[in-house]
Amino acid sequence: MGETVLVVAAHPDDEVLGCGGTMARHAEAGDQVHVVILVEGVTSRDQQRDRENRKSDLSILGQAAHKANDILGTESLTLHSFPDNRLDSVSLLDITKVVEDHIETLQPSIIYTQHGGDLNIDHRRVHEAVVTACRPKPTNHSVQTLLSFEVASSTEWQTPGTAPIFAPNWYVNIESTLKKKIKALEAYGDEIIEWPNARSIQAVTHLARWRGANIGVKSAEAYMLGRRMIL
């Protein structure tokens, strides 16, 4: 029996940027990978949130998310509709309860999520919600490993001393799945920006190579371990 893996991300493409290669490795190993994306993704581009006005864009982004996750071998993808870049306007309890529902249903042993020190407010709120949902209660022992990933154009853009830095202490070799990660990222189309932007294909590839060099392999994804329980 393979493991059940849950990825909880803020925006469509965060899951690929943060742990796409790792997701593909889990899928290839026979693990069930489930992805939950909490935020809609595009309405922050307008002065006022208007889902109706962005209906076409939201549909295109949703289709891209499904295509990307199909490439990585994801078992299921759930897209929620929390407001983009406005999660600080939503009760943390409301976000946490959504995450708790998915944990209760899926019973994952591993969770990957956003880093709590990212510049993007949605990333920080998702991190808080996941950590809260994963508090080690005697009645819920499914989550044994909790890991936070980095997202290019948010994690490294935070200024020193403002929030906890991303100091990786857990690495996954993605030499065999880097091509899938890049292909999945390309499925997002308009979300990818030309080099030398941090969200460019070249930058993401360079980051994977650098994280690989951190541990002496050709490509890797880096994480911060939040909790590890041996049950």
C-alpha atoms as a PDB file:
ATOM      1  CA  MET A   1       0.000   0.000   0.000  1.00  0.00           C
ATOM      2  CA  GLY A   2       1.324   3.410  -0.960  1.00  0.00           C
ATOM      3  CA  GLU A   3       1.126   6.509   1.181  1.00  0.00           C
ATOM      4  CA  THR A   4      -1.542   9.186   0.960  1.00  0.00           C
ATOM      5  CA  VAL A   5      -0.049  12.597   0.249  1.00  0.00           C
ATOM      6  CA  LEU A   6      -1.863  15.923   0.556  1.00  0.00           C
ATOM      7  CA  VAL A   7      -0.609  19.166  -0.972  1.00  0.00           C
ATOM      8  CA  VAL A   8      -2.331  22.290   0.350  1.00  0.00           C
ATOM      9  CA  ALA A   9      -1.473  25.348  -1.727  1.00  0.00           C
ATOM     10  CA  ALA A  10      -2.717  28.902  -1.899  1.00  0.00           C
ATOM     11  CA  HIS A  11      -2.848  29.551  -5.651  1.00  0.00           C
ATOM     12  CA  PRO A  12      -2.930  27.480  -8.822  1.00  0.00           C
ATOM     13  CA  ASP A  13       0.744  26.882  -9.805  1.00  0.00           C
ATOM     14  CA  ASP A  14       2.077  27.140  -6.224  1.00  0.00           C
ATOM     15  CA  GLU A  15       1.832  23.364  -5.975  1.00  0.00           C
ATOM     16  CA  VAL A  16       3.988  22.882  -9.084  1.00  0.00           C
ATOM     17  CA  LEU A  17       6.497  25.582  -8.192  1.00  0.00           C
ATOM     18  CA  GLY A  18       6.833  24.298  -4.657  1.00  0.00           C
ATOM     19  CA  CYS A  19       6.731  20.523  -4.921  1.00  0.00           C
ATOM     20  CA  GLY A  20       5.873  19.462  -8.486  1.00  0.00           C
ATOM     21  CA  GLY A  21       8.872  17.174  -8.824  1.00  0.00           C
ATOM     22  CA  THR A  22       8.177  15.585  -5.450  1.00  0.00           C
ATOM     23  CA  MET A  23       4.523  15.087  -6.344  1.00  0.00           C
ATOM     24  CA  ALA A  24       5.543  13.261  -9.517  1.00  0.00           C
ATOM     25  CA  ARG A  25       7.953  11.069  -7.545  1.00  0.00           C
ATOM     26  CA  HIS A  26       5.209  10.122  -5.099  1.00  0.00           C
ATOM     27  CA  ALA A  27       2.839   9.274  -7.957  1.00  0.00           C
ATOM     28  CA  GLU A  28       5.444   7.172  -9.739  1.00  0.00           C
ATOM     29  CA  ALA A  29       6.084   5.298  -6.485  1.00  0.00           C
ATOM     30  CA  GLY A  30       2.411   4.361  -6.236  1.00  0.00           C
ATOM     31  CA  ASP A  31       1.431   6.919  -3.611  1.00  0.00           C
ATOM     32  CA  GLN A  32      -1.903   8.744  -3.897  1.00  0.00           C
ATOM     33  CA  VAL A  33      -1.334  12.476  -4.291  1.00  0.00           C
ATOM     34  CA  HIS A  34      -4.225  14.829  -3.567  1.00  0.00           C
ATOM     35  CA  VAL A  35      -4.033  18.569  -4.143  1.00  0.00           C
ATOM     36  CA  VAL A  36      -6.159  21.245  -2.508  1.00  0.00           C
ATOM     37  CA  ILE A  37      -5.859  24.816  -3.814  1.00  0.00           C
ATOM     38  CA  LEU A  38      -7.646  27.293  -1.589  1.00  0.00           C
ATOM     39  CA  VAL A  39      -7.539  30.624  -3.451  1.00  0.00           C
ATOM     40  CA  GLU A  40      -9.183  31.443  -6.786  1.00  0.00           C
ATOM     41  CA  GLY A  41      -6.083  33.033  -8.299  1.00  0.00           C
ATOM     42  CA  VAL A  42      -6.864  36.062 -10.502  1.00  0.00           C
ATOM     43  CA  THR A  43      -9.327  38.520  -8.928  1.00  0.00           C
ATOM     44  CA  SER A  44      -6.587  40.506  -7.177  1.00  0.00           C
ATOM     45  CA  ARG A  45      -5.650  41.939 -10.570  1.00  0.00           C
ATOM     46  CA  ASP A  46      -8.678  44.247 -10.336  1.00  0.00           C
ATOM     47  CA  GLN A  47      -9.257  47.144  -7.944  1.00  0.00           C
ATOM     48  CA  GLN A  48     -12.333  45.382  -6.576  1.00  0.00           C
ATOM     49  CA  ARG A  49     -12.940  41.649  -6.440  1.00  0.00           C
ATOM     50  CA  ASP A  50     -15.344  40.683  -9.233  1.00  0.00           C
ATOM     51  CA  ARG A  51     -15.637  36.949  -9.885  1.00  0.00           C
ATOM     52  CA  GLU A  52     -18.230  37.443 -12.600  1.00  0.00           C
ATOM     53  CA  ASN A  53     -15.956  39.755 -14.553  1.00  0.00           C
ATOM     54  CA  ARG A  54     -13.120  37.230 -14.215  1.00  0.00           C
ATOM     55  CA  LYS A  55     -15.283  34.169 -14.919  1.00  0.00           C
ATOM     56  CA  SER A  56     -13.461  33.323 -18.164  1.00  0.00           C
ATOM     57  CA  ASP A  57     -10.015  33.793 -16.603  1.00  0.00           C
ATOM     58  CA  LEU A  58     -10.961  31.632 -13.629  1.00  0.00           C
ATOM     59  CA  SER A  59     -12.177  28.892 -15.970  1.00  0.00           C
ATOM     60  CA  ILE A  60      -8.957  28.967 -17.992  1.00  0.00           C
ATOM     61  CA  LEU A  61      -6.844  28.866 -14.839  1.00  0.00           C
ATOM     62  CA  GLY A  62      -8.857  25.954 -13.483  1.00  0.00           C
ATOM     63  CA  GLN A  63      -8.386  24.019 -16.718  1.00  0.00           C
ATOM     64  CA  ALA A  64      -4.662  24.736 -16.586  1.00  0.00           C
ATOM     65  CA  ALA A  65      -4.508  23.461 -13.009  1.00  0.00           C
ATOM     66  CA  HIS A  66      -6.166  20.188 -13.979  1.00  0.00           C
ATOM     67  CA  LYS A  67      -3.830  19.755 -16.947  1.00  0.00           C
ATOM     68  CA  ALA A  68      -0.755  20.443 -14.839  1.00  0.00           C
ATOM     69  CA  ASN A  69      -1.817  18.025 -12.119  1.00  0.00           C
ATOM     70  CA  ASP A  70      -2.657  15.331 -14.663  1.00  0.00           C
ATOM     71  CA  ILE A  71       0.923  15.613 -15.926  1.00  0.00           C
ATOM     72  CA  LEU A  72       2.244  15.071 -12.396  1.00  0.00           C
ATOM     73  CA  GLY A  73      -0.034  12.091 -11.749  1.00  0.00           C
ATOM     74  CA  THR A  74      -2.256  13.707  -9.128  1.00  0.00           C
ATOM     75  CA  GLU A  75      -5.104  11.515  -7.891  1.00  0.00           C
ATOM     76  CA  SER A  76      -7.463  14.416  -7.173  1.00  0.00           C
ATOM     77  CA  LEU A  77      -7.488  18.204  -7.421  1.00  0.00           C
ATOM     78  CA  THR A  78      -9.891  20.419  -5.469  1.00  0.00           C
ATOM     79  CA  LEU A  79     -10.162  24.113  -6.284  1.00  0.00           C
ATOM     80  CA  HIS A  80     -11.707  26.375  -3.662  1.00  0.00           C
ATOM     81  CA  SER A  81     -12.696  30.015  -4.148  1.00  0.00           C
ATOM     82  CA  PHE A  82     -11.232  32.021  -1.304  1.00  0.00           C
ATOM     83  CA  PRO A  83     -10.433  35.607  -2.425  1.00  0.00           C
ATOM     84  CA  ASP A  84      -7.096  36.122  -4.177  1.00  0.00           C
ATOM     85  CA  ASN A  85      -4.463  37.983  -2.132  1.00  0.00           C
ATOM     86  CA  ARG A  86      -7.176  38.784   0.406  1.00  0.00           C
ATOM     87  CA  LEU A  87      -6.947  35.818   2.773  1.00  0.00           C
ATOM     88  CA  ASP A  88      -6.203  38.259   5.578  1.00  0.00           C
ATOM     89  CA  SER A  89      -9.843  39.349   5.188  1.00  0.00           C
ATOM     90  CA  VAL A  90     -11.048  35.805   5.921  1.00  0.00           C
ATOM     91  CA  SER A  91     -11.268  34.228   9.355  1.00  0.00           C
ATOM     92  CA  LEU A  92      -8.392  31.836   9.973  1.00  0.00           C
ATOM     93  CA  LEU A  93     -10.947  29.475  11.486  1.00  0.00           C
ATOM     94  CA  ASP A  94     -12.893  29.331   8.199  1.00  0.00           C
ATOM     95  CA  ILE A  95      -9.745  28.450   6.247  1.00  0.00           C
ATOM     96  CA  THR A  96      -8.643  25.919   8.853  1.00  0.00           C
ATOM     97  CA  LYS A  97     -11.986  24.123   8.833  1.00  0.00           C
ATOM     98  CA  VAL A  98     -11.709  23.573   5.062  1.00  0.00           C
ATOM     99  CA  VAL A  99      -8.260  22.078   5.529  1.00  0.00           C
ATOM    100  CA  GLU A 100      -9.456  19.941   8.442  1.00  0.00           C
ATOM    101  CA  ASP A 101     -12.284  18.542   6.312  1.00  0.00           C
ATOM    102  CA  HIS A 102      -9.813  17.402   3.649  1.00  0.00           C
ATOM    103  CA  ILE A 103      -7.504  15.855   6.247  1.00  0.00           C
ATOM    104  CA  GLU A 104     -10.405  14.005   7.854  1.00  0.00           C
ATOM    105  CA  THR A 105     -11.585  12.697   4.479  1.00  0.00           C
ATOM    106  CA  LEU A 106      -8.220  11.742   2.993  1.00  0.00           C
ATOM    107  CA  GLN A 107      -6.263  10.782   6.125  1.00  0.00           C
ATOM    108  CA  PRO A 108      -2.892  11.743   4.616  1.00  0.00           C
ATOM    109  CA  SER A 109       0.361  10.695   6.225  1.00  0.00           C
ATOM    110  CA  ILE A 110       2.329  13.503   4.535  1.00  0.00           C
ATOM    111  CA  ILE A 111       1.336  17.122   3.937  1.00  0.00           C
ATOM    112  CA  TYR A 112       3.209  19.669   1.834  1.00  0.00           C
ATOM    113  CA  THR A 113       2.238  23.326   2.110  1.00  0.00           C
ATOM    114  CA  GLN A 114       3.392  26.943   1.837  1.00  0.00           C
ATOM    115  CA  HIS A 115       6.233  28.443   3.863  1.00  0.00           C
ATOM    116  CA  GLY A 116       5.066  30.654   6.730  1.00  0.00           C
ATOM    117  CA  GLY A 117       7.516  33.450   5.974  1.00  0.00           C
ATOM    118  CA  ASP A 118       6.604  34.125   2.342  1.00  0.00           C
ATOM    119  CA  LEU A 119       5.955  37.657   1.123  1.00  0.00           C
ATOM    120  CA  ASN A 120       2.513  36.706  -0.201  1.00  0.00           C
ATOM    121  CA  ILE A 121      -0.151  37.041   2.493  1.00  0.00           C
ATOM    122  CA  ASP A 122      -2.167  34.129   1.112  1.00  0.00           C
ATOM    123  CA  HIS A 123       0.846  31.828   1.478  1.00  0.00           C
ATOM    124  CA  ARG A 124       1.298  32.825   5.108  1.00  0.00           C
ATOM    125  CA  ARG A 125      -2.392  32.338   5.919  1.00  0.00           C
ATOM    126  CA  VAL A 126      -2.481  28.917   4.272  1.00  0.00           C
ATOM    127  CA  HIS A 127       0.580  27.908   6.285  1.00  0.00           C
ATOM    128  CA  GLU A 128      -1.131  29.021   9.503  1.00  0.00           C
ATOM    129  CA  ALA A 129      -4.301  27.132   8.612  1.00  0.00           C
ATOM    130  CA  VAL A 130      -2.453  23.920   7.799  1.00  0.00           C
ATOM    131  CA  VAL A 131      -0.342  24.029  10.958  1.00  0.00           C
ATOM    132  CA  THR A 132      -3.497  24.631  12.990  1.00  0.00           C
ATOM    133  CA  ALA A 133      -5.337  21.799  11.266  1.00  0.00           C
ATOM    134  CA  CYS A 134      -2.370  19.480  11.894  1.00  0.00           C
ATOM    135  CA  ARG A 135      -2.063  20.099  15.619  1.00  0.00           C
ATOM    136  CA  PRO A 136      -1.295  16.703  17.172  1.00  0.00           C
ATOM    137  CA  LYS A 137      -4.562  15.739  18.797  1.00  0.00           C
ATOM    138  CA  PRO A 138      -4.968  12.235  20.276  1.00  0.00           C
ATOM    139  CA  THR A 139      -7.991  11.647  18.009  1.00  0.00           C
ATOM    140  CA  ASN A 140      -6.141  12.457  14.777  1.00  0.00           C
ATOM    141  CA  HIS A 141      -2.863  10.705  14.070  1.00  0.00           C
ATOM    142  CA  SER A 142      -2.865  10.439  10.289  1.00  0.00           C
ATOM    143  CA  VAL A 143      -0.406  13.280   9.543  1.00  0.00           C
ATOM    144  CA  GLN A 144       3.064  12.050  10.393  1.00  0.00           C
ATOM    145  CA  THR A 145       5.148  14.459   8.294  1.00  0.00           C
ATOM    146  CA  LEU A 146       4.494  18.162   7.725  1.00  0.00           C
ATOM    147  CA  LEU A 147       6.714  19.978   5.222  1.00  0.00           C
ATOM    148  CA  SER A 148       6.803  23.563   3.913  1.00  0.00           C
ATOM    149  CA  PHE A 149       8.009  24.369   0.395  1.00  0.00           C
ATOM    150  CA  GLU A 150       9.468  27.481  -1.205  1.00  0.00           C
ATOM    151  CA  VAL A 151       7.741  29.339  -4.050  1.00  0.00           C
ATOM    152  CA  ALA A 152       9.847  31.374  -6.438  1.00  0.00           C
ATOM    153  CA  SER A 153       8.782  35.066  -6.489  1.00  0.00           C
ATOM    154  CA  SER A 154       7.461  34.975  -2.929  1.00  0.00           C
ATOM    155  CA  THR A 155       9.778  33.085  -0.582  1.00  0.00           C
ATOM    156  CA  GLU A 156      12.955  34.844  -1.690  1.00  0.00           C
ATOM    157  CA  TRP A 157      11.272  38.256  -2.047  1.00  0.00           C
ATOM    158  CA  GLN A 158      10.569  38.583   1.681  1.00  0.00           C
ATOM    159  CA  THR A 159      12.942  41.057   3.370  1.00  0.00           C
ATOM    160  CA  PRO A 160      15.335  39.881   6.120  1.00  0.00           C
ATOM    161  CA  GLY A 161      13.984  40.155   9.644  1.00  0.00           C
ATOM    162  CA  THR A 162      10.371  40.606   8.562  1.00  0.00           C
ATOM    163  CA  ALA A 163       9.384  36.958   8.871  1.00  0.00           C
ATOM    164  CA  PRO A 164      10.994  33.536   9.418  1.00  0.00           C
ATOM    165  CA  ILE A 165      13.504  32.771   6.671  1.00  0.00           C
ATOM    166  CA  PHE A 166      13.286  29.673   4.513  1.00  0.00           C
ATOM    167  CA  ALA A 167      16.108  27.498   5.866  1.00  0.00           C
ATOM    168  CA  PRO A 168      15.680  24.066   4.239  1.00  0.00           C
ATOM    169  CA  ASN A 169      16.501  20.942   6.205  1.00  0.00           C
ATOM    170  CA  TRP A 170      14.717  18.351   4.016  1.00  0.00           C
ATOM    171  CA  TYR A 171      15.464  17.660   0.362  1.00  0.00           C
ATOM    172  CA  VAL A 172      13.942  15.433  -2.319  1.00  0.00           C
ATOM    173  CA  ASN A 173      15.965  14.343  -5.338  1.00  0.00           C
ATOM    174  CA  ILE A 174      13.870  15.199  -8.435  1.00  0.00           C
ATOM    175  CA  GLU A 175      16.444  14.392 -11.129  1.00  0.00           C
ATOM    176  CA  SER A 176      14.047  11.851 -12.634  1.00  0.00           C
ATOM    177  CA  THR A 177      10.961  14.102 -12.450  1.00  0.00           C
ATOM    178  CA  LEU A 178      12.252  17.616 -13.169  1.00  0.00           C
ATOM    179  CA  LYS A 179      11.037  17.384 -16.777  1.00  0.00           C
ATOM    180  CA  LYS A 180       7.508  16.598 -15.539  1.00  0.00           C
ATOM    181  CA  LYS A 181       7.657  19.562 -13.161  1.00  0.00           C
ATOM    182  CA  ILE A 182       8.645  21.891 -16.008  1.00  0.00           C
ATOM    183  CA  LYS A 183       6.005  20.452 -18.340  1.00  0.00           C
ATOM    184  CA  ALA A 184       3.351  20.907 -15.638  1.00  0.00           C
ATOM    185  CA  LEU A 185       4.509  24.482 -15.079  1.00  0.00           C
ATOM    186  CA  GLU A 186       4.266  25.189 -18.798  1.00  0.00           C
ATOM    187  CA  ALA A 187       0.632  24.062 -18.655  1.00  0.00           C
ATOM    188  CA  TYR A 188      -0.091  27.194 -16.627  1.00  0.00           C
ATOM    189  CA  GLY A 189       0.797  29.355 -19.619  1.00  0.00           C
ATOM    190  CA  ASP A 190       0.092  32.980 -18.694  1.00  0.00           C
ATOM    191  CA  GLU A 191       1.192  32.439 -15.087  1.00  0.00           C
ATOM    192  CA  ILE A 192       4.764  31.930 -16.279  1.00  0.00           C
ATOM    193  CA  ILE A 193       6.871  35.055 -16.868  1.00  0.00           C
ATOM    194  CA  GLU A 194       9.881  35.450 -19.142  1.00  0.00           C
ATOM    195  CA  TRP A 195      13.456  35.223 -17.868  1.00  0.00           C
ATOM    196  CA  PRO A 196      14.982  36.729 -15.766  1.00  0.00           C
ATOM    197  CA  ASN A 197      11.785  36.799 -13.662  1.00  0.00           C
ATOM    198  CA  ALA A 198      11.855  34.367 -10.733  1.00  0.00           C
ATOM    199  CA  ARG A 199       8.764  32.598 -12.133  1.00  0.00           C
ATOM    200  CA  SER A 200      10.379  31.867 -15.497  1.00  0.00           C
ATOM    201  CA  ILE A 201      11.081  28.318 -16.621  1.00  0.00           C
ATOM    202  CA  GLN A 202      14.799  29.085 -16.578  1.00  0.00           C
ATOM    203  CA  ALA A 203      14.715  30.399 -13.002  1.00  0.00           C
ATOM    204  CA  VAL A 204      12.731  27.412 -11.740  1.00  0.00           C
ATOM    205  CA  THR A 205      15.181  25.070 -13.458  1.00  0.00           C
ATOM    206  CA  HIS A 206      18.154  26.918 -11.986  1.00  0.00           C
ATOM    207  CA  LEU A 207      16.608  26.715  -8.517  1.00  0.00           C
ATOM    208  CA  ALA A 208      16.137  22.951  -8.890  1.00  0.00           C
ATOM    209  CA  ARG A 209      19.766  22.621  -9.979  1.00  0.00           C
ATOM    210  CA  TRP A 210      20.945  24.764  -7.061  1.00  0.00           C
ATOM    211  CA  ARG A 211      18.909  22.807  -4.520  1.00  0.00           C
ATOM    212  CA  GLY A 212      20.349  19.656  -6.048  1.00  0.00           C
ATOM    213  CA  ALA A 213      23.860  21.049  -5.623  1.00  0.00           C
ATOM    214  CA  ASN A 214      23.033  21.688  -1.947  1.00  0.00           C
ATOM    215  CA  ILE A 215      22.936  17.923  -1.420  1.00  0.00           C
ATOM    216  CA  GLY A 216      25.176  16.644  -4.227  1.00  0.00           C
ATOM    217  CA  VAL A 217      22.576  15.584  -6.796  1.00  0.00           C
ATOM    218  CA  LYS A 218      21.595  17.071 -10.146  1.00  0.00           C
ATOM    219  CA  SER A 219      18.153  18.430  -9.166  1.00  0.00           C
ATOM    220  CA  ALA A 220      16.161  18.695  -5.959  1.00  0.00           C
ATOM    221  CA  GLU A 221      13.308  20.422  -4.169  1.00  0.00           C
ATOM    222  CA  ALA A 222      13.917  21.838  -0.711  1.00  0.00           C
ATOM    223  CA  TYR A 223      11.629  21.914   2.315  1.00  0.00           C
ATOM    224  CA  MET A 224      11.463  22.910   5.932  1.00  0.00           C
ATOM    225  CA  LEU A 225      10.362  20.140   8.248  1.00  0.00           C
ATOM    226  CA  GLY A 226       7.575  21.302  10.515  1.00  0.00           C
ATOM    227  CA  ARG A 227       6.879  18.051  12.295  1.00  0.00           C
ATOM    228  CA  ARG A 228       7.808  14.393  11.974  1.00  0.00           C
ATOM    229  CA  MET A 229       6.098  11.736  14.077  1.00  0.00           C
ATOM    230  CA  ILE A 230       6.963   8.048  14.167  1.00  0.00           C
ATOM    231  CA  LEU A 231       3.826   6.255  15.247  1.00  0.00           C
END
